[in-house]
Amino acid sequence: MSEFNKEKLDDYLGIIRKYMQVRGPMTQKELAESTGLGVSTVSRFLSMKTTEINPQVVAKITAELDIPLHEMIDFVEEHFSDHFIRLVKFYKGDEKKEQSAQNAKAPQQQVNNTSGGFEDALVDTIKSGTTGNAQVNSNPTMKIGGKTRTMPFVTDTSNEDVLKERMAQLTPRQKAYVADFLSLDIDARDLIVDLGNDLFRYFRQRGMIA
């Protein structure tokens, strides 16, 4: 299912050109540099030479030019609108600002790995977001250093000891990522999951994950 209405692409490109003048004037090269996109990527997109419309490209350009979302409502398909709005906020940094404001209001929770504080905090967080005895099983197979390894993971809120044991096996870097992820609000978590799914698909295509 397409994320964008291709029949409205020409209208959206017209909006981009308008705001390149309003925010600048700005050249294609300057737009590419400010968004972190390749010059050729921006050029092909603006000249309608791309076969598929990349949501990341659209969101980055929309965020950089600060295009009002109501001006492109016909271009974004309804089923994709909520996700697209989150993407634009992400690239504008609005979600990071909102999270910082929330963190400033709430006392920061200290995570102490040696005392088991991380595992306890993680179990409490997961339990607060589930009902009943929810359980998620995953056995991803990954190629690391030329070797194939299976890494079983079980999230069982009915057995806190098992969950704590699993979390204790994480590296400090992985624990820091989990802690940062759980500190996000629900919309930001969904955004990270959506971006992560794109990465997983890429890794599978490259044969890095079975």
N, C-alpha and C. Protein backbone atom coordinates (compact mmCIF):
# COMPACT_ATOMS: atom_id res chain seq x y z
N MET A 1 0.84 -1.19 0.00
CA MET A 1 0.00 0.00 0.00
C MET A 1 0.88 1.25 0.00
N SER A 2 0.60 2.15 -0.90
CA SER A 2 1.42 3.34 -1.05
C SER A 2 1.20 4.33 0.10
N GLU A 3 2.29 4.97 0.51
CA GLU A 3 2.20 5.96 1.58
C GLU A 3 1.74 7.33 1.07
N PHE A 4 1.92 7.55 -0.26
CA PHE A 4 1.62 8.86 -0.83
C PHE A 4 0.74 8.72 -2.07
N ASN A 5 0.00 9.78 -2.33
CA ASN A 5 -0.84 9.85 -3.52
C ASN A 5 0.02 10.37 -4.67
N LYS A 6 0.43 9.46 -5.56
CA LYS A 6 1.34 9.85 -6.64
C LYS A 6 0.73 10.87 -7.58
N GLU A 7 -0.60 10.90 -7.65
CA GLU A 7 -1.26 11.87 -8.51
C GLU A 7 -1.08 13.30 -7.98
N LYS A 8 -0.73 13.41 -6.69
CA LYS A 8 -0.54 14.73 -6.08
C LYS A 8 0.94 15.08 -5.93
N LEU A 9 1.82 14.24 -6.49
CA LEU A 9 3.25 14.48 -6.35
C LEU A 9 3.66 15.81 -6.97
N ASP A 10 3.13 16.11 -8.15
CA ASP A 10 3.49 17.36 -8.82
C ASP A 10 3.09 18.56 -7.95
N ASP A 11 1.93 18.47 -7.29
CA ASP A 11 1.50 19.56 -6.41
C ASP A 11 2.46 19.72 -5.23
N TYR A 12 2.90 18.59 -4.67
CA TYR A 12 3.82 18.64 -3.54
C TYR A 12 5.17 19.23 -3.95
N LEU A 13 5.64 18.85 -5.14
CA LEU A 13 6.91 19.40 -5.62
C LEU A 13 6.80 20.91 -5.82
N GLY A 14 5.63 21.36 -6.24
CA GLY A 14 5.41 22.79 -6.37
C GLY A 14 5.49 23.49 -5.01
N ILE A 15 4.98 22.82 -3.97
CA ILE A 15 5.04 23.37 -2.62
C ILE A 15 6.49 23.45 -2.15
N ILE A 16 7.26 22.41 -2.47
CA ILE A 16 8.68 22.41 -2.09
C ILE A 16 9.39 23.59 -2.73
N ARG A 17 9.18 23.79 -4.02
CA ARG A 17 9.85 24.89 -4.72
C ARG A 17 9.44 26.24 -4.13
N LYS A 18 8.17 26.36 -3.76
CA LYS A 18 7.70 27.61 -3.16
C LYS A 18 8.44 27.89 -1.85
N TYR A 19 8.56 26.86 -1.01
CA TYR A 19 9.20 27.08 0.29
C TYR A 19 10.72 27.14 0.18
N MET A 20 11.29 26.61 -0.90
CA MET A 20 12.72 26.81 -1.13
C MET A 20 12.99 28.29 -1.37
N GLN A 21 12.03 28.99 -1.96
CA GLN A 21 12.17 30.44 -2.15
C GLN A 21 11.85 31.20 -0.87
N VAL A 22 10.80 30.75 -0.17
CA VAL A 22 10.40 31.44 1.06
C VAL A 22 11.46 31.32 2.14
N ARG A 23 12.07 30.16 2.29
CA ARG A 23 13.07 29.93 3.34
C ARG A 23 14.47 30.34 2.92
N GLY A 24 14.64 30.69 1.67
CA GLY A 24 15.99 30.99 1.16
C GLY A 24 16.13 32.38 0.60
N PRO A 25 16.23 32.47 -0.71
CA PRO A 25 16.09 31.37 -1.67
C PRO A 25 17.17 30.30 -1.51
N MET A 26 16.79 29.07 -1.87
CA MET A 26 17.66 27.93 -1.62
C MET A 26 17.80 27.11 -2.90
N THR A 27 19.02 26.70 -3.20
CA THR A 27 19.26 25.85 -4.36
C THR A 27 19.07 24.39 -3.99
N GLN A 28 19.02 23.52 -5.00
CA GLN A 28 18.89 22.09 -4.74
C GLN A 28 20.08 21.58 -3.94
N LYS A 29 21.27 22.08 -4.25
CA LYS A 29 22.48 21.67 -3.54
C LYS A 29 22.40 22.07 -2.08
N GLU A 30 21.94 23.28 -1.82
CA GLU A 30 21.81 23.75 -0.43
C GLU A 30 20.76 22.95 0.32
N LEU A 31 19.66 22.59 -0.36
CA LEU A 31 18.63 21.77 0.28
C LEU A 31 19.19 20.40 0.61
N ALA A 32 19.97 19.84 -0.31
CA ALA A 32 20.57 18.53 -0.07
C ALA A 32 21.51 18.57 1.12
N GLU A 33 22.33 19.60 1.21
CA GLU A 33 23.29 19.71 2.31
C GLU A 33 22.58 19.91 3.64
N SER A 34 21.53 20.70 3.65
CA SER A 34 20.83 20.99 4.91
C SER A 34 20.03 19.80 5.42
N THR A 35 19.60 18.92 4.49
CA THR A 35 18.82 17.74 4.90
C THR A 35 19.68 16.50 5.08
N GLY A 36 20.95 16.57 4.62
CA GLY A 36 21.82 15.40 4.70
C GLY A 36 21.57 14.40 3.59
N LEU A 37 20.81 14.80 2.58
CA LEU A 37 20.54 13.93 1.44
C LEU A 37 21.58 14.18 0.35
N GLY A 38 21.72 13.22 -0.54
CA GLY A 38 22.64 13.41 -1.66
C GLY A 38 22.06 14.40 -2.67
N VAL A 39 22.93 15.13 -3.33
CA VAL A 39 22.48 16.10 -4.33
C VAL A 39 21.71 15.39 -5.44
N SER A 40 22.21 14.23 -5.87
CA SER A 40 21.53 13.48 -6.93
C SER A 40 20.16 12.99 -6.47
N THR A 41 20.06 12.63 -5.18
CA THR A 41 18.77 12.17 -4.64
C THR A 41 17.73 13.28 -4.70
N VAL A 42 18.12 14.47 -4.27
CA VAL A 42 17.21 15.62 -4.29
C VAL A 42 16.86 15.99 -5.72
N SER A 43 17.87 15.96 -6.60
CA SER A 43 17.64 16.32 -8.00
C SER A 43 16.66 15.36 -8.67
N ARG A 44 16.85 14.06 -8.46
CA ARG A 44 15.95 13.07 -9.07
C ARG A 44 14.54 13.21 -8.52
N PHE A 45 14.45 13.49 -7.23
CA PHE A 45 13.13 13.61 -6.60
C PHE A 45 12.39 14.82 -7.15
N LEU A 46 13.06 15.96 -7.21
CA LEU A 46 12.41 17.19 -7.66
C LEU A 46 12.09 17.15 -9.16
N SER A 47 12.81 16.31 -9.91
CA SER A 47 12.54 16.20 -11.34
C SER A 47 11.64 15.00 -11.66
N MET A 48 11.10 14.37 -10.61
CA MET A 48 10.15 13.25 -10.74
C MET A 48 10.76 12.07 -11.51
N LYS A 49 12.05 11.81 -11.27
CA LYS A 49 12.73 10.71 -11.94
C LYS A 49 12.86 9.48 -11.04
N THR A 50 12.21 9.49 -9.88
CA THR A 50 12.25 8.35 -8.97
C THR A 50 11.03 7.47 -9.19
N THR A 51 11.23 6.16 -9.16
CA THR A 51 10.12 5.23 -9.35
C THR A 51 9.28 5.08 -8.09
N GLU A 52 9.92 5.21 -6.94
CA GLU A 52 9.22 5.10 -5.67
C GLU A 52 9.47 6.37 -4.85
N ILE A 53 8.47 6.75 -4.06
CA ILE A 53 8.59 7.93 -3.21
C ILE A 53 9.08 7.48 -1.84
N ASN A 54 10.27 7.90 -1.46
CA ASN A 54 10.88 7.51 -0.18
C ASN A 54 10.34 8.38 0.95
N PRO A 55 9.65 7.80 1.93
CA PRO A 55 9.10 8.59 3.04
C PRO A 55 10.16 9.38 3.79
N GLN A 56 11.39 8.81 3.91
CA GLN A 56 12.45 9.50 4.63
C GLN A 56 12.84 10.80 3.91
N VAL A 57 12.90 10.73 2.58
CA VAL A 57 13.25 11.90 1.79
C VAL A 57 12.18 12.98 1.94
N VAL A 58 10.93 12.57 1.81
CA VAL A 58 9.82 13.53 1.93
C VAL A 58 9.79 14.16 3.32
N ALA A 59 9.96 13.34 4.36
CA ALA A 59 9.91 13.85 5.73
C ALA A 59 11.07 14.81 6.01
N LYS A 60 12.27 14.47 5.53
CA LYS A 60 13.43 15.35 5.76
C LYS A 60 13.25 16.70 5.09
N ILE A 61 12.78 16.68 3.85
CA ILE A 61 12.58 17.93 3.12
C ILE A 61 11.47 18.75 3.77
N THR A 62 10.38 18.08 4.15
CA THR A 62 9.26 18.77 4.79
C THR A 62 9.70 19.41 6.10
N ALA A 63 10.51 18.68 6.87
CA ALA A 63 10.99 19.20 8.15
C ALA A 63 11.95 20.37 7.96
N GLU A 64 12.89 20.23 7.01
CA GLU A 64 13.89 21.26 6.79
C GLU A 64 13.26 22.56 6.30
N LEU A 65 12.28 22.46 5.41
CA LEU A 65 11.64 23.66 4.88
C LEU A 65 10.50 24.14 5.76
N ASP A 66 10.20 23.37 6.82
CA ASP A 66 9.13 23.72 7.75
C ASP A 66 7.82 23.95 6.99
N ILE A 67 7.51 22.99 6.11
CA ILE A 67 6.29 23.09 5.31
C ILE A 67 5.09 22.75 6.20
N PRO A 68 4.09 23.60 6.26
CA PRO A 68 2.90 23.30 7.05
C PRO A 68 2.23 22.03 6.54
N LEU A 69 1.92 21.14 7.45
CA LEU A 69 1.38 19.84 7.04
C LEU A 69 0.03 19.97 6.35
N HIS A 70 -0.73 21.03 6.68
CA HIS A 70 -2.04 21.15 6.05
C HIS A 70 -1.93 21.44 4.55
N GLU A 71 -0.77 21.91 4.10
CA GLU A 71 -0.60 22.21 2.68
C GLU A 71 -0.34 20.95 1.85
N MET A 72 -0.04 19.85 2.51
CA MET A 72 0.27 18.62 1.78
C MET A 72 -0.62 17.47 2.22
N ILE A 73 -1.75 17.78 2.83
CA ILE A 73 -2.62 16.75 3.37
C ILE A 73 -3.16 15.82 2.29
N ASP A 74 -3.35 16.34 1.07
CA ASP A 74 -3.85 15.50 -0.02
C ASP A 74 -2.77 14.59 -0.58
N PHE A 75 -1.50 14.92 -0.33
CA PHE A 75 -0.39 14.13 -0.85
C PHE A 75 -0.12 12.90 0.00
N VAL A 76 -0.30 13.02 1.32
CA VAL A 76 -0.05 11.91 2.24
C VAL A 76 -1.32 11.09 2.41
N GLU A 77 -1.21 9.79 2.16
CA GLU A 77 -2.37 8.91 2.32
C GLU A 77 -2.81 8.88 3.79
N GLU A 78 -4.10 8.75 4.00
CA GLU A 78 -4.67 8.85 5.35
C GLU A 78 -4.08 7.81 6.30
N HIS A 79 -3.88 6.58 5.83
CA HIS A 79 -3.38 5.52 6.70
C HIS A 79 -1.94 5.76 7.14
N PHE A 80 -1.23 6.64 6.43
CA PHE A 80 0.19 6.90 6.71
C PHE A 80 0.39 8.24 7.41
N SER A 81 -0.67 9.02 7.58
CA SER A 81 -0.53 10.39 8.06
C SER A 81 0.07 10.48 9.47
N ASP A 82 -0.39 9.63 10.39
CA ASP A 82 0.12 9.68 11.76
C ASP A 82 1.62 9.37 11.80
N HIS A 83 2.02 8.33 11.08
CA HIS A 83 3.44 7.95 11.04
C HIS A 83 4.27 9.05 10.38
N PHE A 84 3.73 9.64 9.33
CA PHE A 84 4.47 10.69 8.63
C PHE A 84 4.66 11.91 9.53
N ILE A 85 3.65 12.27 10.29
CA ILE A 85 3.76 13.41 11.21
C ILE A 85 4.84 13.15 12.24
N ARG A 86 4.93 11.90 12.74
CA ARG A 86 5.97 11.56 13.70
C ARG A 86 7.36 11.66 13.06
N LEU A 87 7.45 11.22 11.81
CA LEU A 87 8.73 11.31 11.09
C LEU A 87 9.18 12.76 10.97
N VAL A 88 8.26 13.62 10.57
CA VAL A 88 8.60 15.04 10.40
C VAL A 88 9.03 15.64 11.75
N LYS A 89 8.30 15.32 12.81
CA LYS A 89 8.67 15.82 14.14
C LYS A 89 10.05 15.32 14.54
N PHE A 90 10.33 14.07 14.19
CA PHE A 90 11.63 13.48 14.53
C PHE A 90 12.76 14.25 13.86
N TYR A 91 12.61 14.52 12.57
CA TYR A 91 13.66 15.23 11.84
C TYR A 91 13.74 16.70 12.21
N LYS A 92 12.65 17.27 12.69
CA LYS A 92 12.67 18.66 13.14
C LYS A 92 13.24 18.76 14.56
N GLY A 93 13.29 17.62 15.26
CA GLY A 93 13.80 17.63 16.62
C GLY A 93 12.73 17.95 17.64
N ASP A 94 11.47 18.04 17.20
CA ASP A 94 10.40 18.40 18.13
C ASP A 94 10.19 17.34 19.19
N GLU A 95 10.30 16.06 18.80
CA GLU A 95 10.08 14.99 19.77
C GLU A 95 11.17 15.00 20.83
N LYS A 96 12.41 15.31 20.41
CA LYS A 96 13.51 15.38 21.37
C LYS A 96 13.29 16.52 22.35
N LYS A 97 12.78 17.67 21.84
CA LYS A 97 12.50 18.81 22.72
C LYS A 97 11.39 18.48 23.70
N GLU A 98 10.34 17.81 23.19
CA GLU A 98 9.22 17.44 24.06
C GLU A 98 9.67 16.48 25.15
N GLN A 99 10.53 15.52 24.76
CA GLN A 99 11.01 14.56 25.74
C GLN A 99 11.89 15.22 26.78
N SER A 100 12.70 16.19 26.36
CA SER A 100 13.58 16.91 27.29
C SER A 100 12.75 17.69 28.29
N ALA A 101 11.65 18.26 27.81
CA ALA A 101 10.78 19.02 28.70
C ALA A 101 10.13 18.09 29.73
N GLN A 102 9.75 16.90 29.27
CA GLN A 102 9.15 15.93 30.19
C GLN A 102 10.16 15.46 31.22
N ASN A 103 11.38 15.25 30.78
CA ASN A 103 12.43 14.80 31.70
C ASN A 103 12.76 15.87 32.73
N ALA A 104 12.64 17.13 32.34
CA ALA A 104 12.94 18.23 33.26
C ALA A 104 11.90 18.31 34.37
N LYS A 105 10.66 17.89 34.05
CA LYS A 105 9.59 17.96 35.04
C LYS A 105 9.63 16.76 36.00
N ALA A 106 10.03 15.62 35.48
CA ALA A 106 10.04 14.41 36.29
C ALA A 106 11.44 14.14 36.82
N PRO A 107 11.57 13.62 38.04
CA PRO A 107 12.89 13.28 38.59
C PRO A 107 13.52 12.16 37.78
N GLN A 108 14.80 12.31 37.50
CA GLN A 108 15.51 11.31 36.70
C GLN A 108 15.75 10.05 37.52
N GLN A 109 15.39 8.92 36.93
CA GLN A 109 15.57 7.63 37.60
C GLN A 109 16.97 7.12 37.35
N GLN A 110 17.71 6.87 38.41
CA GLN A 110 19.07 6.37 38.30
C GLN A 110 19.06 4.87 38.10
N VAL A 111 19.83 4.40 37.14
CA VAL A 111 19.93 2.97 36.85
C VAL A 111 21.28 2.47 37.31
N ASN A 112 21.30 1.57 38.29
CA ASN A 112 22.54 1.05 38.84
C ASN A 112 22.64 -0.43 38.52
N ASN A 113 23.53 -0.76 37.60
CA ASN A 113 23.63 -2.13 37.14
C ASN A 113 24.13 -3.06 38.24
N THR A 114 25.06 -2.63 39.07
CA THR A 114 25.64 -3.50 40.08
C THR A 114 24.65 -3.86 41.16
N SER A 115 23.68 -3.03 41.41
CA SER A 115 22.70 -3.31 42.47
C SER A 115 21.44 -3.96 41.91
N GLY A 116 21.40 -4.20 40.60
CA GLY A 116 20.22 -4.79 40.00
C GLY A 116 19.16 -3.77 39.69
N GLY A 117 19.48 -2.47 39.80
CA GLY A 117 18.49 -1.42 39.58
C GLY A 117 17.98 -1.41 38.15
N PHE A 118 18.85 -1.67 37.17
CA PHE A 118 18.43 -1.66 35.78
C PHE A 118 17.38 -2.74 35.53
N GLU A 119 17.68 -3.95 35.98
CA GLU A 119 16.76 -5.05 35.75
C GLU A 119 15.41 -4.80 36.44
N ASP A 120 15.45 -4.30 37.68
CA ASP A 120 14.21 -4.01 38.40
C ASP A 120 13.39 -2.94 37.69
N ALA A 121 14.08 -1.88 37.26
CA ALA A 121 13.39 -0.78 36.59
C ALA A 121 12.79 -1.25 35.27
N LEU A 122 13.52 -2.12 34.55
CA LEU A 122 13.04 -2.61 33.28
C LEU A 122 11.80 -3.48 33.46
N VAL A 123 11.82 -4.37 34.44
CA VAL A 123 10.67 -5.22 34.70
C VAL A 123 9.45 -4.37 35.06
N ASP A 124 9.65 -3.37 35.91
CA ASP A 124 8.54 -2.50 36.29
C ASP A 124 7.96 -1.77 35.09
N THR A 125 8.83 -1.32 34.22
CA THR A 125 8.38 -0.58 33.04
C THR A 125 7.59 -1.47 32.10
N ILE A 126 8.11 -2.68 31.85
CA ILE A 126 7.42 -3.60 30.95
C ILE A 126 6.09 -4.03 31.54
N LYS A 127 6.07 -4.30 32.84
CA LYS A 127 4.83 -4.72 33.48
C LYS A 127 3.78 -3.63 33.42
N SER A 128 4.22 -2.37 33.53
CA SER A 128 3.27 -1.27 33.51
C SER A 128 2.64 -1.09 32.14
N GLY A 129 3.28 -1.64 31.10
CA GLY A 129 2.77 -1.49 29.75
C GLY A 129 2.08 -2.72 29.22
N THR A 130 1.86 -3.75 30.10
CA THR A 130 1.21 -4.98 29.65
C THR A 130 0.07 -5.31 30.59
N THR A 131 -0.82 -6.17 30.13
CA THR A 131 -1.91 -6.65 30.96
C THR A 131 -1.90 -8.15 30.94
N GLY A 132 -2.23 -8.76 32.08
CA GLY A 132 -2.22 -10.22 32.15
C GLY A 132 -0.82 -10.76 32.12
N ASN A 133 -0.70 -11.99 31.64
CA ASN A 133 0.61 -12.63 31.56
C ASN A 133 1.10 -12.60 30.12
N ALA A 134 1.33 -11.40 29.65
CA ALA A 134 1.79 -11.25 28.26
C ALA A 134 3.18 -11.82 28.11
N GLN A 135 3.41 -12.50 26.98
CA GLN A 135 4.72 -13.09 26.73
C GLN A 135 5.07 -12.93 25.27
N VAL A 136 6.30 -12.54 25.00
CA VAL A 136 6.78 -12.40 23.64
C VAL A 136 8.04 -13.23 23.49
N ASN A 137 8.05 -14.13 22.52
CA ASN A 137 9.21 -14.98 22.28
C ASN A 137 9.87 -14.60 20.97
N SER A 138 11.17 -14.57 20.96
CA SER A 138 11.91 -14.24 19.75
C SER A 138 13.23 -15.00 19.77
N ASN A 139 13.58 -15.57 18.62
CA ASN A 139 14.84 -16.30 18.50
C ASN A 139 15.56 -15.83 17.25
N PRO A 140 16.05 -14.60 17.23
CA PRO A 140 16.73 -14.10 16.04
C PRO A 140 18.05 -14.81 15.80
N THR A 141 18.34 -15.08 14.54
CA THR A 141 19.61 -15.68 14.14
C THR A 141 20.44 -14.62 13.46
N MET A 142 21.64 -14.36 13.97
CA MET A 142 22.46 -13.29 13.45
C MET A 142 23.84 -13.82 13.07
N LYS A 143 24.44 -13.22 12.06
CA LYS A 143 25.79 -13.54 11.64
C LYS A 143 26.74 -12.52 12.24
N ILE A 144 27.58 -12.97 13.16
CA ILE A 144 28.50 -12.08 13.85
C ILE A 144 29.90 -12.63 13.70
N GLY A 145 30.78 -11.83 13.11
CA GLY A 145 32.16 -12.27 12.92
C GLY A 145 32.28 -13.53 12.09
N GLY A 146 31.37 -13.69 11.13
CA GLY A 146 31.42 -14.86 10.26
C GLY A 146 30.76 -16.09 10.85
N LYS A 147 30.26 -15.99 12.07
CA LYS A 147 29.62 -17.13 12.72
C LYS A 147 28.13 -16.85 12.91
N THR A 148 27.31 -17.88 12.74
CA THR A 148 25.87 -17.75 12.92
C THR A 148 25.51 -18.10 14.36
N ARG A 149 24.80 -17.19 15.00
CA ARG A 149 24.44 -17.41 16.40
C ARG A 149 22.95 -17.17 16.59
N THR A 150 22.32 -18.00 17.39
CA THR A 150 20.92 -17.83 17.75
C THR A 150 20.86 -17.23 19.15
N MET A 151 20.09 -16.14 19.27
CA MET A 151 20.01 -15.42 20.54
C MET A 151 18.57 -15.44 21.04
N PRO A 152 18.18 -16.46 21.81
CA PRO A 152 16.80 -16.53 22.30
C PRO A 152 16.50 -15.39 23.26
N PHE A 153 15.30 -14.84 23.13
CA PHE A 153 14.89 -13.75 24.02
C PHE A 153 13.45 -14.01 24.44
N VAL A 154 13.20 -13.99 25.72
CA VAL A 154 11.86 -14.22 26.24
C VAL A 154 11.46 -13.07 27.15
N THR A 155 10.32 -12.48 26.85
CA THR A 155 9.77 -11.45 27.73
C THR A 155 8.52 -12.01 28.37
N ASP A 156 8.62 -12.44 29.60
CA ASP A 156 7.51 -13.06 30.30
C ASP A 156 7.28 -12.30 31.58
N THR A 157 6.21 -11.50 31.62
CA THR A 157 5.97 -10.67 32.80
C THR A 157 5.46 -11.48 33.98
N SER A 158 5.18 -12.78 33.75
CA SER A 158 4.75 -13.61 34.87
C SER A 158 5.95 -14.22 35.59
N ASN A 159 7.13 -14.06 35.05
CA ASN A 159 8.33 -14.61 35.67
C ASN A 159 9.40 -13.53 35.67
N GLU A 160 9.44 -12.72 36.71
CA GLU A 160 10.35 -11.59 36.77
C GLU A 160 11.81 -12.04 36.81
N ASP A 161 12.09 -13.17 37.45
CA ASP A 161 13.47 -13.64 37.56
C ASP A 161 14.05 -13.96 36.19
N VAL A 162 13.24 -14.60 35.34
CA VAL A 162 13.71 -14.93 33.99
C VAL A 162 14.01 -13.66 33.21
N LEU A 163 13.10 -12.68 33.31
CA LEU A 163 13.30 -11.43 32.59
C LEU A 163 14.54 -10.69 33.08
N LYS A 164 14.73 -10.65 34.39
CA LYS A 164 15.92 -9.98 34.94
C LYS A 164 17.20 -10.67 34.49
N GLU A 165 17.15 -12.01 34.43
CA GLU A 165 18.33 -12.75 33.99
C GLU A 165 18.67 -12.42 32.55
N ARG A 166 17.65 -12.33 31.72
CA ARG A 166 17.87 -11.99 30.31
C ARG A 166 18.47 -10.59 30.18
N MET A 167 17.93 -9.67 30.95
CA MET A 167 18.42 -8.29 30.87
C MET A 167 19.84 -8.15 31.40
N ALA A 168 20.18 -8.99 32.38
CA ALA A 168 21.53 -8.94 32.94
C ALA A 168 22.59 -9.38 31.93
N GLN A 169 22.16 -10.12 30.88
CA GLN A 169 23.09 -10.59 29.86
C GLN A 169 23.42 -9.52 28.82
N LEU A 170 22.69 -8.40 28.86
CA LEU A 170 22.94 -7.33 27.91
C LEU A 170 24.26 -6.62 28.22
N THR A 171 24.90 -6.13 27.18
CA THR A 171 26.11 -5.34 27.37
C THR A 171 25.73 -3.96 27.89
N PRO A 172 26.67 -3.22 28.49
CA PRO A 172 26.37 -1.86 28.96
C PRO A 172 25.79 -0.97 27.86
N ARG A 173 26.30 -1.12 26.65
CA ARG A 173 25.80 -0.31 25.53
C ARG A 173 24.36 -0.66 25.20
N GLN A 174 24.05 -1.97 25.24
CA GLN A 174 22.68 -2.40 24.96
C GLN A 174 21.73 -1.95 26.06
N LYS A 175 22.20 -1.99 27.31
CA LYS A 175 21.36 -1.54 28.42
C LYS A 175 21.06 -0.05 28.31
N ALA A 176 22.05 0.73 27.89
CA ALA A 176 21.86 2.16 27.73
C ALA A 176 20.80 2.43 26.66
N TYR A 177 20.84 1.62 25.57
CA TYR A 177 19.85 1.79 24.50
C TYR A 177 18.45 1.47 25.02
N VAL A 178 18.32 0.35 25.75
CA VAL A 178 17.01 -0.05 26.28
C VAL A 178 16.48 1.02 27.23
N ALA A 179 17.36 1.55 28.08
CA ALA A 179 16.94 2.58 29.03
C ALA A 179 16.45 3.83 28.31
N ASP A 180 17.18 4.22 27.26
CA ASP A 180 16.77 5.39 26.48
C ASP A 180 15.44 5.13 25.78
N PHE A 181 15.27 3.92 25.24
CA PHE A 181 14.05 3.57 24.53
C PHE A 181 12.84 3.63 25.47
N LEU A 182 12.99 3.07 26.67
CA LEU A 182 11.87 3.03 27.60
C LEU A 182 11.54 4.40 28.18
N SER A 183 12.47 5.34 28.06
CA SER A 183 12.20 6.68 28.59
C SER A 183 11.37 7.52 27.62
N LEU A 184 11.20 7.01 26.37
CA LEU A 184 10.42 7.74 25.37
C LEU A 184 8.93 7.57 25.60
N ASP A 185 8.13 8.49 25.05
CA ASP A 185 6.69 8.31 25.12
C ASP A 185 6.28 7.30 24.05
N ILE A 186 5.00 6.92 24.04
CA ILE A 186 4.54 5.83 23.19
C ILE A 186 4.72 6.13 21.71
N ASP A 187 4.49 7.40 21.31
CA ASP A 187 4.64 7.75 19.89
C ASP A 187 6.10 7.66 19.45
N ALA A 188 7.00 8.12 20.32
CA ALA A 188 8.43 8.07 19.98
C ALA A 188 8.90 6.62 19.91
N ARG A 189 8.39 5.76 20.81
CA ARG A 189 8.76 4.34 20.76
C ARG A 189 8.30 3.73 19.44
N ASP A 190 7.06 4.06 19.01
CA ASP A 190 6.55 3.52 17.75
C ASP A 190 7.43 3.96 16.59
N LEU A 191 7.90 5.21 16.66
CA LEU A 191 8.75 5.72 15.57
C LEU A 191 10.06 4.94 15.50
N ILE A 192 10.69 4.70 16.67
CA ILE A 192 11.94 3.94 16.70
C ILE A 192 11.73 2.53 16.19
N VAL A 193 10.60 1.92 16.57
CA VAL A 193 10.30 0.56 16.10
C VAL A 193 10.13 0.54 14.58
N ASP A 194 9.43 1.54 14.04
CA ASP A 194 9.22 1.61 12.59
C ASP A 194 10.55 1.75 11.86
N LEU A 195 11.43 2.63 12.38
CA LEU A 195 12.74 2.80 11.76
C LEU A 195 13.57 1.53 11.89
N GLY A 196 13.45 0.86 13.05
CA GLY A 196 14.18 -0.38 13.27
C GLY A 196 13.73 -1.48 12.32
N ASN A 197 12.43 -1.52 12.02
CA ASN A 197 11.93 -2.53 11.08
C ASN A 197 12.56 -2.35 9.71
N ASP A 198 12.74 -1.09 9.30
CA ASP A 198 13.39 -0.84 8.01
C ASP A 198 14.82 -1.36 8.01
N LEU A 199 15.52 -1.18 9.16
CA LEU A 199 16.90 -1.68 9.26
C LEU A 199 16.94 -3.20 9.23
N PHE A 200 16.00 -3.84 9.94
CA PHE A 200 15.96 -5.30 9.95
C PHE A 200 15.74 -5.84 8.54
N ARG A 201 14.84 -5.20 7.77
CA ARG A 201 14.61 -5.65 6.40
C ARG A 201 15.88 -5.51 5.56
N TYR A 202 16.60 -4.42 5.78
CA TYR A 202 17.86 -4.21 5.04
C TYR A 202 18.88 -5.29 5.40
N PHE A 203 19.02 -5.58 6.71
CA PHE A 203 19.98 -6.59 7.15
C PHE A 203 19.62 -7.97 6.59
N ARG A 204 18.31 -8.28 6.55
CA ARG A 204 17.89 -9.57 6.02
C ARG A 204 18.21 -9.66 4.53
N GLN A 205 18.00 -8.56 3.82
CA GLN A 205 18.32 -8.56 2.39
C GLN A 205 19.80 -8.76 2.15
N ARG A 206 20.64 -8.25 3.05
CA ARG A 206 22.09 -8.41 2.92
C ARG A 206 22.58 -9.73 3.49
N GLY A 207 21.68 -10.52 4.07
CA GLY A 207 22.06 -11.82 4.61
C GLY A 207 22.74 -11.74 5.97
N MET A 208 22.63 -10.58 6.65
CA MET A 208 23.27 -10.43 7.96
C MET A 208 22.41 -11.01 9.07
N ILE A 209 21.09 -11.12 8.81
CA ILE A 209 20.16 -11.73 9.77
C ILE A 209 19.35 -12.77 9.02
N ALA A 210 19.29 -13.97 9.56
CA ALA A 210 18.56 -15.04 8.90
C ALA A 210 17.07 -14.95 9.22
